[in-house]
Amino acid sequence: MMKCYDCMEKGKDSNAVCICITCGKGLCLDHTKELELPVTVGTPPDLKRLPNSLPRLVCNYCINQIIEDGFD
């Protein structure tokens, strides 16, 4: 079973429930952040946003980098 990378760094032993889509490390529920990405279909100028977004799971470090980079 894969272990949570962030927990291992703190000396804890937790099973991973997902993998960060950015860096690839295993994560437990406590160290997982969900990033919702909107989904659109069609071609410009006739784009339509679908009602359900696409969930992406990332670690705390990567979500902080994504948000920081997006607002620089």
PDB file of N, CA and C in Angstrom:
ATOM      1  N   MET A   1       0.844  -1.181   0.000  1.00  0.00           N
ATOM      2  CA  MET A   1       0.000   0.000   0.000  1.00  0.00           C
ATOM      3  C   MET A   1       0.886   1.240   0.000  1.00  0.00           C
ATOM      4  N   MET A   2       0.541   2.218  -0.829  1.00  0.00           N
ATOM      5  CA  MET A   2       1.293   3.466  -0.871  1.00  0.00           C
ATOM      6  C   MET A   2       1.011   4.280   0.386  1.00  0.00           C
ATOM      7  N   LYS A   3       2.027   4.952   0.886  1.00  0.00           N
ATOM      8  CA  LYS A   3       1.911   5.778   2.086  1.00  0.00           C
ATOM      9  C   LYS A   3       1.895   7.258   1.709  1.00  0.00           C
ATOM     10  N   CYS A   4       1.321   8.077   2.582  1.00  0.00           N
ATOM     11  CA  CYS A   4       1.271   9.519   2.371  1.00  0.00           C
ATOM     12  C   CYS A   4       2.666  10.100   2.562  1.00  0.00           C
ATOM     13  N   TYR A   5       3.151  10.790   1.555  1.00  0.00           N
ATOM     14  CA  TYR A   5       4.483  11.371   1.572  1.00  0.00           C
ATOM     15  C   TYR A   5       4.600  12.459   2.646  1.00  0.00           C
ATOM     16  N   ASP A   6       3.600  13.321   2.737  1.00  0.00           N
ATOM     17  CA  ASP A   6       3.650  14.408   3.713  1.00  0.00           C
ATOM     18  C   ASP A   6       3.620  13.878   5.146  1.00  0.00           C
ATOM     19  N   CYS A   7       2.855  12.822   5.399  1.00  0.00           N
ATOM     20  CA  CYS A   7       2.834  12.215   6.732  1.00  0.00           C
ATOM     21  C   CYS A   7       4.190  11.590   7.059  1.00  0.00           C
ATOM     22  N   MET A   8       4.794  10.917   6.089  1.00  0.00           N
ATOM     23  CA  MET A   8       6.097  10.293   6.319  1.00  0.00           C
ATOM     24  C   MET A   8       7.145  11.330   6.693  1.00  0.00           C
ATOM     25  N   GLU A   9       7.086  12.515   6.100  1.00  0.00           N
ATOM     26  CA  GLU A   9       8.030  13.578   6.447  1.00  0.00           C
ATOM     27  C   GLU A   9       7.881  14.017   7.903  1.00  0.00           C
ATOM     28  N   LYS A  10       6.679  13.830   8.479  1.00  0.00           N
ATOM     29  CA  LYS A  10       6.412  14.207   9.869  1.00  0.00           C
ATOM     30  C   LYS A  10       6.521  13.022  10.821  1.00  0.00           C
ATOM     31  N   GLY A  11       6.963  11.866  10.309  1.00  0.00           N
ATOM     32  CA  GLY A  11       7.126  10.684  11.144  1.00  0.00           C
ATOM     33  C   GLY A  11       5.848   9.914  11.408  1.00  0.00           C
ATOM     34  N   LYS A  12       4.797  10.181  10.644  1.00  0.00           N
ATOM     35  CA  LYS A  12       3.528   9.472  10.801  1.00  0.00           C
ATOM     36  C   LYS A  12       3.404   8.417   9.703  1.00  0.00           C
ATOM     37  N   ASP A  13       2.544   7.443   9.931  1.00  0.00           N
ATOM     38  CA  ASP A  13       2.327   6.358   8.978  1.00  0.00           C
ATOM     39  C   ASP A  13       0.854   6.346   8.574  1.00  0.00           C
ATOM     40  N   SER A  14       0.553   6.931   7.395  1.00  0.00           N
ATOM     41  CA  SER A  14      -0.825   6.991   6.898  1.00  0.00           C
ATOM     42  C   SER A  14      -0.865   6.463   5.472  1.00  0.00           C
ATOM     43  N   ASN A  15      -1.927   5.743   5.163  1.00  0.00           N
ATOM     44  CA  ASN A  15      -2.109   5.244   3.801  1.00  0.00           C
ATOM     45  C   ASN A  15      -2.518   6.380   2.872  1.00  0.00           C
ATOM     46  N   ALA A  16      -2.002   6.360   1.659  1.00  0.00           N
ATOM     47  CA  ALA A  16      -2.384   7.342   0.645  1.00  0.00           C
ATOM     48  C   ALA A  16      -3.720   6.937   0.029  1.00  0.00           C
ATOM     49  N   VAL A  17      -4.545   7.932  -0.271  1.00  0.00           N
ATOM     50  CA  VAL A  17      -5.834   7.685  -0.917  1.00  0.00           C
ATOM     51  C   VAL A  17      -5.870   8.236  -2.333  1.00  0.00           C
ATOM     52  N   CYS A  18      -4.859   9.058  -2.673  1.00  0.00           N
ATOM     53  CA  CYS A  18      -4.781   9.625  -4.017  1.00  0.00           C
ATOM     54  C   CYS A  18      -3.352  10.044  -4.305  1.00  0.00           C
ATOM     55  N   ILE A  19      -3.142  10.496  -5.529  1.00  0.00           N
ATOM     56  CA  ILE A  19      -1.833  10.976  -5.966  1.00  0.00           C
ATOM     57  C   ILE A  19      -2.006  12.393  -6.480  1.00  0.00           C
ATOM     58  N   CYS A  20      -1.101  13.285  -6.087  1.00  0.00           N
ATOM     59  CA  CYS A  20      -1.128  14.669  -6.572  1.00  0.00           C
ATOM     60  C   CYS A  20      -0.926  14.660  -8.089  1.00  0.00           C
ATOM     61  N   ILE A  21      -1.807  15.345  -8.813  1.00  0.00           N
ATOM     62  CA  ILE A  21      -1.706  15.341 -10.270  1.00  0.00           C
ATOM     63  C   ILE A  21      -0.531  16.167 -10.778  1.00  0.00           C
ATOM     64  N   THR A  22       0.038  17.013  -9.920  1.00  0.00           N
ATOM     65  CA  THR A  22       1.145  17.863 -10.341  1.00  0.00           C
ATOM     66  C   THR A  22       2.494  17.212 -10.073  1.00  0.00           C
ATOM     67  N   CYS A  23       2.742  16.788  -8.821  1.00  0.00           N
ATOM     68  CA  CYS A  23       4.069  16.260  -8.471  1.00  0.00           C
ATOM     69  C   CYS A  23       4.105  14.741  -8.350  1.00  0.00           C
ATOM     70  N   GLY A  24       2.944  14.090  -8.206  1.00  0.00           N
ATOM     71  CA  GLY A  24       2.892  12.636  -8.192  1.00  0.00           C
ATOM     72  C   GLY A  24       3.073  11.964  -6.852  1.00  0.00           C
ATOM     73  N   LYS A  25       3.153  12.735  -5.757  1.00  0.00           N
ATOM     74  CA  LYS A  25       3.330  12.073  -4.468  1.00  0.00           C
ATOM     75  C   LYS A  25       1.994  11.571  -3.930  1.00  0.00           C
ATOM     76  N   GLY A  26       2.060  10.465  -3.162  1.00  0.00           N
ATOM     77  CA  GLY A  26       0.877   9.890  -2.544  1.00  0.00           C
ATOM     78  C   GLY A  26       0.413  10.766  -1.397  1.00  0.00           C
ATOM     79  N   LEU A  27      -0.918  10.875  -1.219  1.00  0.00           N
ATOM     80  CA  LEU A  27      -1.480  11.752  -0.199  1.00  0.00           C
ATOM     81  C   LEU A  27      -2.616  11.084   0.556  1.00  0.00           C
ATOM     82  N   CYS A  28      -2.705  11.379   1.863  1.00  0.00           N
ATOM     83  CA  CYS A  28      -3.857  10.953   2.656  1.00  0.00           C
ATOM     84  C   CYS A  28      -4.938  12.032   2.540  1.00  0.00           C
ATOM     85  N   LEU A  29      -6.101  11.805   3.144  1.00  0.00           N
ATOM     86  CA  LEU A  29      -7.182  12.781   3.067  1.00  0.00           C
ATOM     87  C   LEU A  29      -6.820  14.111   3.713  1.00  0.00           C
ATOM     88  N   ASP A  30      -6.011  14.085   4.768  1.00  0.00           N
ATOM     89  CA  ASP A  30      -5.647  15.319   5.463  1.00  0.00           C
ATOM     90  C   ASP A  30      -4.739  16.214   4.624  1.00  0.00           C
ATOM     91  N   HIS A  31      -3.985  15.652   3.697  1.00  0.00           N
ATOM     92  CA  HIS A  31      -3.029  16.428   2.914  1.00  0.00           C
ATOM     93  C   HIS A  31      -3.475  16.636   1.462  1.00  0.00           C
ATOM     94  N   THR A  32      -4.736  16.373   1.169  1.00  0.00           N
ATOM     95  CA  THR A  32      -5.264  16.501  -0.186  1.00  0.00           C
ATOM     96  C   THR A  32      -6.115  17.757  -0.311  1.00  0.00           C
ATOM     97  N   LYS A  33      -5.910  18.497  -1.374  1.00  0.00           N
ATOM     98  CA  LYS A  33      -6.757  19.645  -1.697  1.00  0.00           C
ATOM     99  C   LYS A  33      -7.418  19.378  -3.040  1.00  0.00           C
ATOM    100  N   GLU A  34      -8.693  19.747  -3.144  1.00  0.00           N
ATOM    101  CA  GLU A  34      -9.427  19.544  -4.393  1.00  0.00           C
ATOM    102  C   GLU A  34      -9.504  20.862  -5.150  1.00  0.00           C
ATOM    103  N   LEU A  35      -9.077  20.818  -6.382  1.00  0.00           N
ATOM    104  CA  LEU A  35      -9.108  21.977  -7.260  1.00  0.00           C
ATOM    105  C   LEU A  35     -10.146  21.699  -8.345  1.00  0.00           C
ATOM    106  N   GLU A  36     -11.184  22.520  -8.393  1.00  0.00           N
ATOM    107  CA  GLU A  36     -12.260  22.328  -9.368  1.00  0.00           C
ATOM    108  C   GLU A  36     -11.933  23.077 -10.660  1.00  0.00           C
ATOM    109  N   LEU A  37     -11.902  22.365 -11.762  1.00  0.00           N
ATOM    110  CA  LEU A  37     -11.649  22.978 -13.061  1.00  0.00           C
ATOM    111  C   LEU A  37     -12.938  23.016 -13.871  1.00  0.00           C
ATOM    112  N   PRO A  38     -13.327  24.194 -14.368  1.00  0.00           N
ATOM    113  CA  PRO A  38     -14.536  24.263 -15.188  1.00  0.00           C
ATOM    114  C   PRO A  38     -14.327  23.538 -16.509  1.00  0.00           C
ATOM    115  N   VAL A  39     -15.407  22.959 -17.022  1.00  0.00           N
ATOM    116  CA  VAL A  39     -15.350  22.224 -18.288  1.00  0.00           C
ATOM    117  C   VAL A  39     -16.247  22.928 -19.299  1.00  0.00           C
ATOM    118  N   THR A  40     -15.698  23.197 -20.471  1.00  0.00           N
ATOM    119  CA  THR A  40     -16.480  23.800 -21.551  1.00  0.00           C
ATOM    120  C   THR A  40     -16.442  22.890 -22.776  1.00  0.00           C
ATOM    121  N   VAL A  41     -17.495  22.984 -23.568  1.00  0.00           N
ATOM    122  CA  VAL A  41     -17.572  22.230 -24.823  1.00  0.00           C
ATOM    123  C   VAL A  41     -17.919  23.196 -25.941  1.00  0.00           C
ATOM    124  N   GLY A  42     -17.584  22.799 -27.152  1.00  0.00           N
ATOM    125  CA  GLY A  42     -17.882  23.636 -28.309  1.00  0.00           C
ATOM    126  C   GLY A  42     -16.644  24.357 -28.787  1.00  0.00           C
ATOM    127  N   THR A  43     -16.850  25.187 -29.785  1.00  0.00           N
ATOM    128  CA  THR A  43     -15.753  25.984 -30.328  1.00  0.00           C
ATOM    129  C   THR A  43     -16.147  27.457 -30.259  1.00  0.00           C
ATOM    130  N   PRO A  44     -15.175  28.347 -30.082  1.00  0.00           N
ATOM    131  CA  PRO A  44     -15.500  29.779 -30.011  1.00  0.00           C
ATOM    132  C   PRO A  44     -16.178  30.235 -31.296  1.00  0.00           C
ATOM    133  N   PRO A  45     -17.151  31.055 -31.235  1.00  0.00           N
ATOM    134  CA  PRO A  45     -17.686  31.763 -30.078  1.00  0.00           C
ATOM    135  C   PRO A  45     -18.822  31.024 -29.388  1.00  0.00           C
ATOM    136  N   ASP A  46     -19.074  29.780 -29.760  1.00  0.00           N
ATOM    137  CA  ASP A  46     -20.198  29.022 -29.195  1.00  0.00           C
ATOM    138  C   ASP A  46     -19.747  28.053 -28.099  1.00  0.00           C
ATOM    139  N   LEU A  47     -19.103  28.566 -27.080  1.00  0.00           N
ATOM    140  CA  LEU A  47     -18.680  27.732 -25.960  1.00  0.00           C
ATOM    141  C   LEU A  47     -19.805  27.625 -24.944  1.00  0.00           C
ATOM    142  N   LYS A  48     -19.918  26.446 -24.363  1.00  0.00           N
ATOM    143  CA  LYS A  48     -20.924  26.222 -23.330  1.00  0.00           C
ATOM    144  C   LYS A  48     -20.225  25.608 -22.128  1.00  0.00           C
ATOM    145  N   ARG A  49     -20.400  26.208 -20.956  1.00  0.00           N
ATOM    146  CA  ARG A  49     -19.831  25.656 -19.726  1.00  0.00           C
ATOM    147  C   ARG A  49     -20.776  24.581 -19.188  1.00  0.00           C
ATOM    148  N   LEU A  50     -20.223  23.411 -18.921  1.00  0.00           N
ATOM    149  CA  LEU A  50     -21.015  22.319 -18.367  1.00  0.00           C
ATOM    150  C   LEU A  50     -21.291  22.576 -16.889  1.00  0.00           C
ATOM    151  N   PRO A  51     -22.412  22.048 -16.368  1.00  0.00           N
ATOM    152  CA  PRO A  51     -22.780  22.333 -14.977  1.00  0.00           C
ATOM    153  C   PRO A  51     -21.827  21.710 -13.949  1.00  0.00           C
ATOM    154  N   ASN A  52     -21.201  20.600 -14.291  1.00  0.00           N
ATOM    155  CA  ASN A  52     -20.290  19.957 -13.346  1.00  0.00           C
ATOM    156  C   ASN A  52     -18.851  20.248 -13.727  1.00  0.00           C
ATOM    157  N   SER A  53     -18.056  20.613 -12.722  1.00  0.00           N
ATOM    158  CA  SER A  53     -16.646  20.864 -12.981  1.00  0.00           C
ATOM    159  C   SER A  53     -15.857  19.565 -12.841  1.00  0.00           C
ATOM    160  N   LEU A  54     -14.598  19.608 -13.197  1.00  0.00           N
ATOM    161  CA  LEU A  54     -13.727  18.442 -13.161  1.00  0.00           C
ATOM    162  C   LEU A  54     -12.834  18.531 -11.929  1.00  0.00           C
ATOM    163  N   PRO A  55     -13.003  17.626 -10.951  1.00  0.00           N
ATOM    164  CA  PRO A  55     -12.173  17.715  -9.747  1.00  0.00           C
ATOM    165  C   PRO A  55     -10.755  17.222 -10.012  1.00  0.00           C
ATOM    166  N   ARG A  56      -9.782  17.952  -9.477  1.00  0.00           N
ATOM    167  CA  ARG A  56      -8.374  17.572  -9.556  1.00  0.00           C
ATOM    168  C   ARG A  56      -7.815  17.594  -8.152  1.00  0.00           C
ATOM    169  N   LEU A  57      -7.073  16.563  -7.785  1.00  0.00           N
ATOM    170  CA  LEU A  57      -6.526  16.444  -6.445  1.00  0.00           C
ATOM    171  C   LEU A  57      -5.051  16.810  -6.449  1.00  0.00           C
ATOM    172  N   VAL A  58      -4.682  17.730  -5.569  1.00  0.00           N
ATOM    173  CA  VAL A  58      -3.305  18.201  -5.488  1.00  0.00           C
ATOM    174  C   VAL A  58      -2.869  18.282  -4.027  1.00  0.00           C
ATOM    175  N   CYS A  59      -1.549  18.343  -3.817  1.00  0.00           N
ATOM    176  CA  CYS A  59      -1.011  18.465  -2.465  1.00  0.00           C
ATOM    177  C   CYS A  59      -0.992  19.940  -2.053  1.00  0.00           C
ATOM    178  N   ASN A  60      -0.766  20.176  -0.763  1.00  0.00           N
ATOM    179  CA  ASN A  60      -0.732  21.550  -0.246  1.00  0.00           C
ATOM    180  C   ASN A  60       0.346  22.385  -0.926  1.00  0.00           C
ATOM    181  N   TYR A  61       1.525  21.818  -1.126  1.00  0.00           N
ATOM    182  CA  TYR A  61       2.613  22.562  -1.763  1.00  0.00           C
ATOM    183  C   TYR A  61       2.223  22.978  -3.179  1.00  0.00           C
ATOM    184  N   CYS A  62       1.714  22.057  -3.964  1.00  0.00           N
ATOM    185  CA  CYS A  62       1.377  22.364  -5.361  1.00  0.00           C
ATOM    186  C   CYS A  62       0.222  23.352  -5.469  1.00  0.00           C
ATOM    187  N   ILE A  63      -0.796  23.235  -4.605  1.00  0.00           N
ATOM    188  CA  ILE A  63      -1.915  24.182  -4.677  1.00  0.00           C
ATOM    189  C   ILE A  63      -1.425  25.585  -4.352  1.00  0.00           C
ATOM    190  N   ASN A  64      -0.486  25.709  -3.414  1.00  0.00           N
ATOM    191  CA  ASN A  64       0.069  27.023  -3.099  1.00  0.00           C
ATOM    192  C   ASN A  64       0.860  27.575  -4.270  1.00  0.00           C
ATOM    193  N   GLN A  65       1.569  26.732  -5.001  1.00  0.00           N
ATOM    194  CA  GLN A  65       2.328  27.179  -6.167  1.00  0.00           C
ATOM    195  C   GLN A  65       1.387  27.579  -7.306  1.00  0.00           C
ATOM    196  N   ILE A  66       0.326  26.822  -7.511  1.00  0.00           N
ATOM    197  CA  ILE A  66      -0.636  27.129  -8.565  1.00  0.00           C
ATOM    198  C   ILE A  66      -1.311  28.475  -8.300  1.00  0.00           C
ATOM    199  N   ILE A  67      -1.757  28.679  -7.074  1.00  0.00           N
ATOM    200  CA  ILE A  67      -2.436  29.931  -6.727  1.00  0.00           C
ATOM    201  C   ILE A  67      -1.458  31.092  -6.800  1.00  0.00           C
ATOM    202  N   GLU A  68      -0.246  30.916  -6.282  1.00  0.00           N
ATOM    203  CA  GLU A  68       0.754  31.990  -6.314  1.00  0.00           C
ATOM    204  C   GLU A  68       1.123  32.361  -7.736  1.00  0.00           C
ATOM    205  N   ASP A  69       1.378  31.351  -8.573  1.00  0.00           N
ATOM    206  CA  ASP A  69       1.734  31.603  -9.961  1.00  0.00           C
ATOM    207  C   ASP A  69       0.595  32.248 -10.745  1.00  0.00           C
ATOM    208  N   GLY A  70      -0.649  31.887 -10.400  1.00  0.00           N
ATOM    209  CA  GLY A  70      -1.795  32.429 -11.107  1.00  0.00           C
ATOM    210  C   GLY A  70      -2.090  33.886 -10.791  1.00  0.00           C
ATOM    211  N   PHE A  71      -1.575  34.388  -9.660  1.00  0.00           N
ATOM    212  CA  PHE A  71      -1.875  35.746  -9.254  1.00  0.00           C
ATOM    213  C   PHE A  71      -0.665  36.658  -9.201  1.00  0.00           C
ATOM    214  N   ASP A  72       0.450  36.245  -9.811  1.00  0.00           N
ATOM    215  CA  ASP A  72       1.643  37.094  -9.869  1.00  0.00           C
ATOM    216  C   ASP A  72       1.480  38.182 -10.891  1.00  0.00           C
TER     217      ASP A  72
END
